[in-house]
Amino acid sequence: MLVADPRTAAAWRRFRQEFADAGPERRREMLRERANQSRTTDLHMIGRAGLGHVGGDMSVLDILTTLFFGVLRVDPEKPDWADRDRLVLSKGHTAGALYATLAASGFFAEAELETFAGPLSALNGHPNRVKVPGVETNTGPLGHGLPVSVGMAVAAKLSSSSRHVYVVLGDGELQEGSNWEAAMTAGHRRLDNLTAIVDRNRLQQGARTEETNTLDPLDDKFRAFGWDVLEIDGHDHLSLYDAFTAARGERPTCVIANTTKGRGVSFMEDRVEWHHKVPSAEQIVTAAAELAR
């Protein structure tokens, strides 16, 4: 098991306090800069390892950054704190994005990122809760994150805990039937402590989601299962923050976050081949320059 980096955790706490004290536009800029720093980190990780899912990582990083740097009640130095909020990355193939975010928050030293996907590394191609603090459950097989998160939300209710459960879903993985069994249970049990976030980039491995198995109207599907639904720009940090912290009713919430695969890198955006293509050294330099603007 990796251990926390106290210095980075302290910097994360300072960021959180400045964020809490800032006005809306400053908050937006703080999260945008932070997310793009993680995107650059992720590019270098994938380049070194020679594998990864760079398109989906770029897509989901604004969601993860907003959660960890603005919303989640967590403590990088106490990753097992009982009443912490839970974050489940159901689309586990984008582990690189989660690792970059956890390291920037101080859950473990950023130097560990250089081992990503290497022999004996804790940072496997999919998240492993036994090895990595901040990972709440192992994910990889798609369609499992929402059922596990429903169980976590039920457990919080049974123990009278105020913790909230967030689960990030890929849109392609909603083609797995297990999601809809879990959605039905969450609606039936009126789990107001559960928020599902759909990274709606409309691409999956090899094709567009709607060419593979139609998902729309996705909002109506969740409403039919007893959920409240918000649909927002998944790269607008203030919209994400407001959606994650809005006053909740008595039902689970689904946030459909419309995103772009490969976000922030011109030659990757909305291109299906960048699902898991590895950028060259020259492409990483170009991409990093674009993200630094």
Protein backbone atom coordinates (compact mmCIF):
# COMPACT_ATOMS: atom_id res chain seq x y z
CA MET A 1 0.00 0.00 0.00
CA LEU A 2 1.30 3.44 -0.95
CA VAL A 3 1.41 6.14 1.75
CA ALA A 4 0.42 9.79 1.82
CA ASP A 5 2.75 12.64 0.89
CA PRO A 6 2.29 15.17 3.76
CA ARG A 7 3.74 18.13 1.83
CA THR A 8 1.46 17.66 -1.16
CA ALA A 9 -1.49 17.01 1.15
CA ALA A 10 -0.79 20.34 2.87
CA ALA A 11 -0.72 22.10 -0.51
CA TRP A 12 -4.02 20.41 -1.38
CA ARG A 13 -5.56 21.75 1.85
CA ARG A 14 -4.37 25.27 1.01
CA PHE A 15 -5.91 24.94 -2.45
CA ARG A 16 -9.20 23.79 -0.93
CA GLN A 17 -9.29 26.76 1.45
CA GLU A 18 -8.45 29.25 -1.29
CA PHE A 19 -11.10 27.65 -3.47
CA ALA A 20 -13.70 27.95 -0.69
CA ASP A 21 -12.87 31.64 -0.25
CA ALA A 22 -12.74 32.53 -3.96
CA GLY A 23 -15.41 34.01 -6.20
CA PRO A 24 -16.95 32.07 -9.10
CA GLU A 25 -14.54 33.09 -11.87
CA ARG A 26 -11.47 32.48 -9.72
CA ARG A 27 -12.86 29.06 -8.79
CA ARG A 28 -13.35 28.23 -12.45
CA GLU A 29 -9.79 29.25 -13.31
CA MET A 30 -8.30 27.35 -10.36
CA LEU A 31 -9.98 24.11 -11.37
CA ARG A 32 -9.21 24.58 -15.07
CA GLU A 33 -5.51 25.03 -14.36
CA ARG A 34 -5.45 22.10 -11.96
CA ALA A 35 -7.22 19.78 -14.40
CA ASN A 36 -4.87 20.68 -17.25
CA GLN A 37 -1.84 20.05 -15.01
CA SER A 38 -3.21 16.56 -14.38
CA ARG A 39 -3.81 16.09 -18.10
CA THR A 40 -0.15 16.87 -18.79
CA THR A 41 0.91 14.49 -16.02
CA ASP A 42 -1.29 11.80 -17.51
CA LEU A 43 0.20 12.24 -20.99
CA HIS A 44 3.70 11.68 -19.64
CA MET A 45 2.57 8.64 -17.61
CA ILE A 46 1.05 6.99 -20.67
CA GLY A 47 4.01 7.91 -22.83
CA ARG A 48 6.46 6.31 -20.36
CA ALA A 49 4.33 3.18 -19.87
CA GLY A 50 3.49 2.72 -23.54
CA LEU A 51 -0.13 1.98 -22.67
CA GLY A 52 -3.22 3.59 -21.20
CA HIS A 53 -6.55 5.14 -22.18
CA VAL A 54 -5.59 8.71 -22.91
CA GLY A 55 -8.82 9.77 -24.64
CA GLY A 56 -11.03 8.82 -21.72
CA ASP A 57 -8.54 10.25 -19.22
CA MET A 58 -8.73 13.65 -20.90
CA SER A 59 -12.52 13.37 -20.94
CA VAL A 60 -13.00 12.62 -17.24
CA LEU A 61 -10.35 14.84 -15.63
CA ASP A 62 -12.54 17.92 -15.17
CA ILE A 63 -15.02 15.74 -13.26
CA LEU A 64 -12.36 14.17 -11.02
CA THR A 65 -10.60 17.49 -10.40
CA THR A 66 -13.83 19.20 -9.35
CA LEU A 67 -14.65 16.34 -6.99
CA PHE A 68 -11.25 16.06 -5.29
CA PHE A 69 -10.32 19.75 -5.24
CA GLY A 70 -13.73 21.23 -4.52
CA VAL A 71 -16.32 18.77 -3.29
CA LEU A 72 -15.33 15.49 -1.63
CA ARG A 73 -15.02 15.25 2.15
CA VAL A 74 -11.80 13.26 2.24
CA ASP A 75 -8.43 13.46 3.96
CA PRO A 76 -5.41 12.24 1.95
CA GLU A 77 -3.57 11.48 5.18
CA LYS A 78 -6.52 9.51 6.61
CA PRO A 79 -7.75 7.55 3.59
CA ASP A 80 -9.70 5.13 5.83
CA TRP A 81 -11.60 7.81 7.77
CA ALA A 82 -14.99 6.15 8.28
CA ASP A 83 -17.24 9.08 7.38
CA ARG A 84 -15.34 10.19 4.29
CA ASP A 85 -17.28 10.53 1.05
CA ARG A 86 -16.78 7.67 -1.39
CA LEU A 87 -15.69 8.05 -5.01
CA VAL A 88 -15.91 5.03 -7.29
CA LEU A 89 -14.35 5.25 -10.75
CA SER A 90 -16.46 2.64 -12.49
CA LYS A 91 -14.77 3.31 -15.85
CA GLY A 92 -11.63 1.77 -14.38
CA HIS A 93 -9.67 1.80 -17.64
CA THR A 94 -9.13 5.53 -17.03
CA ALA A 95 -7.08 4.76 -13.94
CA GLY A 96 -4.35 7.14 -15.15
CA ALA A 97 -6.66 10.12 -14.64
CA LEU A 98 -7.51 8.95 -11.12
CA TYR A 99 -3.85 8.33 -10.22
CA ALA A 100 -2.82 11.80 -11.44
CA THR A 101 -5.60 13.35 -9.34
CA LEU A 102 -4.86 11.31 -6.21
CA ALA A 103 -1.14 12.11 -6.41
CA ALA A 104 -1.84 15.83 -6.85
CA SER A 105 -4.04 15.62 -3.72
CA GLY A 106 -1.29 13.99 -1.65
CA PHE A 107 -2.74 10.48 -1.28
CA PHE A 108 0.70 9.23 -2.38
CA ALA A 109 3.92 10.72 -3.70
CA GLU A 110 3.83 12.04 -7.26
CA ALA A 111 7.11 10.23 -7.95
CA GLU A 112 5.14 6.96 -7.84
CA LEU A 113 3.45 7.96 -11.09
CA GLU A 114 6.69 7.14 -12.91
CA THR A 115 6.02 3.45 -12.14
CA PHE A 116 2.56 3.44 -13.77
CA ALA A 117 1.80 0.01 -15.27
CA GLY A 118 5.35 -1.18 -14.68
CA PRO A 119 6.50 -4.47 -13.10
CA LEU A 120 5.48 -4.68 -9.39
CA SER A 121 3.98 -1.18 -9.48
CA ALA A 122 0.98 -0.43 -7.24
CA LEU A 123 -0.42 1.67 -10.07
CA ASN A 124 -1.92 -1.02 -12.25
CA GLY A 125 -3.84 -0.47 -15.46
CA HIS A 126 -7.04 -0.57 -13.41
CA PRO A 127 -7.49 0.82 -9.85
CA ASN A 128 -6.67 -1.55 -6.97
CA ARG A 129 -7.94 -0.59 -3.51
CA VAL A 130 -5.48 -2.94 -1.79
CA LYS A 131 -2.50 -1.02 -3.18
CA VAL A 132 -3.61 2.58 -3.68
CA PRO A 133 -5.06 4.88 -0.97
CA GLY A 134 -8.06 6.82 -2.22
CA VAL A 135 -9.26 3.94 -4.40
CA GLU A 136 -12.49 2.73 -2.80
CA THR A 137 -13.01 -0.44 -4.82
CA ASN A 138 -11.31 -2.32 -7.62
CA THR A 139 -12.82 -1.52 -11.00
CA GLY A 140 -12.16 -2.70 -14.50
CA PRO A 141 -14.95 -5.04 -15.59
CA LEU A 142 -17.51 -2.51 -16.76
CA GLY A 143 -20.96 -2.31 -15.22
CA HIS A 144 -19.84 -3.12 -11.67
CA GLY A 145 -19.20 0.33 -10.20
CA LEU A 146 -22.83 1.40 -9.87
CA PRO A 147 -23.97 -1.83 -8.14
CA VAL A 148 -21.08 -1.53 -5.65
CA SER A 149 -21.89 2.15 -5.08
CA VAL A 150 -25.53 1.33 -4.36
CA GLY A 151 -24.28 -1.07 -1.69
CA MET A 152 -22.07 1.67 -0.22
CA ALA A 153 -25.00 4.08 -0.13
CA VAL A 154 -27.23 1.51 1.58
CA ALA A 155 -24.46 0.84 4.12
CA ALA A 156 -24.22 4.56 4.90
CA LYS A 157 -27.96 4.66 5.52
CA LEU A 158 -27.83 1.62 7.79
CA SER A 159 -25.02 3.16 9.86
CA SER A 160 -26.67 6.63 9.97
CA SER A 161 -23.59 8.17 8.33
CA SER A 162 -23.74 11.48 6.43
CA ARG A 163 -21.17 10.32 3.88
CA HIS A 164 -22.12 10.68 0.21
CA VAL A 165 -21.29 8.22 -2.55
CA TYR A 166 -20.24 9.45 -6.01
CA VAL A 167 -19.73 7.05 -8.91
CA VAL A 168 -18.29 8.00 -12.31
CA LEU A 169 -19.68 5.92 -15.16
CA GLY A 170 -18.58 5.69 -18.77
CA ASP A 171 -21.46 6.11 -21.19
CA GLY A 172 -20.42 3.01 -23.12
CA GLU A 173 -20.55 0.91 -19.96
CA LEU A 174 -24.23 1.78 -19.51
CA GLN A 175 -24.81 -0.83 -22.19
CA GLU A 176 -24.15 -3.37 -19.41
CA GLY A 177 -27.43 -4.60 -17.92
CA SER A 178 -26.13 -4.72 -14.34
CA ASN A 179 -26.28 -0.91 -14.27
CA TRP A 180 -30.01 -0.91 -14.72
CA GLU A 181 -30.63 -3.47 -11.98
CA ALA A 182 -28.62 -1.18 -9.67
CA ALA A 183 -30.42 1.95 -10.90
CA MET A 184 -33.77 0.29 -10.19
CA THR A 185 -32.68 -0.60 -6.64
CA ALA A 186 -31.33 2.90 -5.96
CA GLY A 187 -34.59 4.45 -7.11
CA HIS A 188 -36.68 1.99 -5.12
CA ARG A 189 -34.68 2.67 -1.94
CA ARG A 190 -34.67 6.44 -2.58
CA LEU A 191 -30.92 6.70 -2.04
CA ASP A 192 -30.54 10.46 -1.77
CA ASN A 193 -26.92 9.94 -0.69
CA LEU A 194 -25.92 8.59 -4.13
CA THR A 195 -24.80 10.63 -7.18
CA ALA A 196 -23.99 8.91 -10.47
CA ILE A 197 -21.97 10.96 -12.96
CA VAL A 198 -22.06 9.84 -16.59
CA ASP A 199 -18.98 10.85 -18.58
CA ARG A 200 -21.03 11.31 -21.76
CA ASN A 201 -18.34 11.60 -24.43
CA ARG A 202 -20.38 9.49 -26.90
CA LEU A 203 -17.39 7.36 -27.94
CA GLN A 204 -16.39 3.88 -26.86
CA GLN A 205 -13.75 1.46 -28.05
CA GLY A 206 -13.99 1.31 -31.82
CA ALA A 207 -17.15 3.34 -32.44
CA ARG A 208 -19.67 5.91 -31.26
CA THR A 209 -22.00 4.75 -28.49
CA GLU A 210 -25.09 5.43 -30.54
CA GLU A 211 -23.78 3.27 -33.39
CA THR A 212 -23.01 0.41 -31.01
CA ASN A 213 -26.15 0.36 -28.84
CA THR A 214 -28.34 3.45 -28.53
CA LEU A 215 -28.42 5.10 -25.09
CA ASP A 216 -30.60 8.15 -25.74
CA PRO A 217 -32.83 9.36 -24.26
CA LEU A 218 -30.50 8.70 -21.33
CA ASP A 219 -32.11 11.29 -19.03
CA ASP A 220 -35.55 9.73 -19.41
CA LYS A 221 -34.16 6.27 -18.71
CA PHE A 222 -32.80 7.35 -15.30
CA ARG A 223 -35.98 9.30 -14.49
CA ALA A 224 -38.02 6.18 -15.24
CA PHE A 225 -35.99 4.35 -12.58
CA GLY A 226 -36.80 7.00 -9.95
CA TRP A 227 -33.76 9.32 -10.20
CA ASP A 228 -33.43 13.08 -10.37
CA VAL A 229 -31.41 14.04 -13.47
CA LEU A 230 -29.22 17.04 -14.35
CA GLU A 231 -27.59 17.43 -17.77
CA ILE A 232 -24.63 19.82 -17.94
CA ASP A 233 -21.41 20.72 -19.77
CA GLY A 234 -18.93 18.25 -18.27
CA HIS A 235 -16.00 20.60 -18.85
CA ASP A 236 -17.61 23.60 -17.11
CA HIS A 237 -16.15 23.36 -13.61
CA LEU A 238 -18.70 25.66 -12.00
CA SER A 239 -21.58 23.68 -13.50
CA LEU A 240 -19.97 20.49 -12.22
CA TYR A 241 -19.44 21.98 -8.75
CA ASP A 242 -23.02 23.24 -8.57
CA ALA A 243 -24.40 19.90 -9.73
CA PHE A 244 -22.36 17.95 -7.17
CA THR A 245 -23.28 20.23 -4.26
CA ALA A 246 -26.88 21.15 -5.11
CA ALA A 247 -29.57 20.70 -2.49
CA ARG A 248 -30.85 17.17 -3.00
CA GLY A 249 -34.35 15.84 -2.86
CA GLU A 250 -35.29 12.39 -1.67
CA ARG A 251 -34.01 10.43 -4.66
CA PRO A 252 -30.63 9.49 -6.14
CA THR A 253 -29.17 11.99 -8.60
CA CYS A 254 -27.73 11.32 -12.05
CA VAL A 255 -25.51 14.03 -13.54
CA ILE A 256 -25.13 13.57 -17.28
CA ALA A 257 -21.86 15.40 -17.98
CA ASN A 258 -21.49 16.05 -21.70
CA THR A 259 -17.78 15.78 -22.45
CA THR A 260 -15.33 15.38 -25.34
CA LYS A 261 -12.98 12.45 -25.54
CA GLY A 262 -9.41 13.73 -25.76
CA ARG A 263 -10.47 17.11 -24.31
CA GLY A 264 -7.82 19.83 -24.50
CA VAL A 265 -5.64 18.21 -27.18
CA SER A 266 -6.62 19.26 -30.70
CA PHE A 267 -5.52 16.10 -32.51
CA MET A 268 -7.24 13.81 -29.96
CA GLU A 269 -10.60 15.50 -29.48
CA ASP A 270 -13.59 13.37 -30.50
CA ARG A 271 -11.33 10.87 -32.30
CA VAL A 272 -12.18 7.24 -31.62
CA GLU A 273 -8.64 5.96 -32.26
CA TRP A 274 -7.44 7.82 -29.14
CA HIS A 275 -9.44 5.47 -26.90
CA HIS A 276 -6.14 3.80 -26.06
CA LYS A 277 -3.61 4.93 -28.65
CA VAL A 278 -0.27 5.99 -27.13
CA PRO A 279 1.04 9.45 -28.11
CA SER A 280 4.58 9.75 -29.46
CA ALA A 281 7.19 11.91 -27.74
CA GLU A 282 6.60 14.66 -30.31
CA GLN A 283 2.83 14.48 -29.82
CA ILE A 284 3.24 14.76 -26.04
CA VAL A 285 5.26 17.96 -26.48
CA THR A 286 2.57 19.41 -28.77
CA ALA A 287 -0.24 18.35 -26.44
CA ALA A 288 1.47 19.73 -23.34
CA ALA A 289 1.96 23.09 -25.09
CA GLU A 290 -1.76 23.23 -25.92
CA LEU A 291 -2.73 22.38 -22.34
CA ALA A 292 -0.44 25.09 -20.95
CA ARG A 293 -2.23 27.90 -22.82
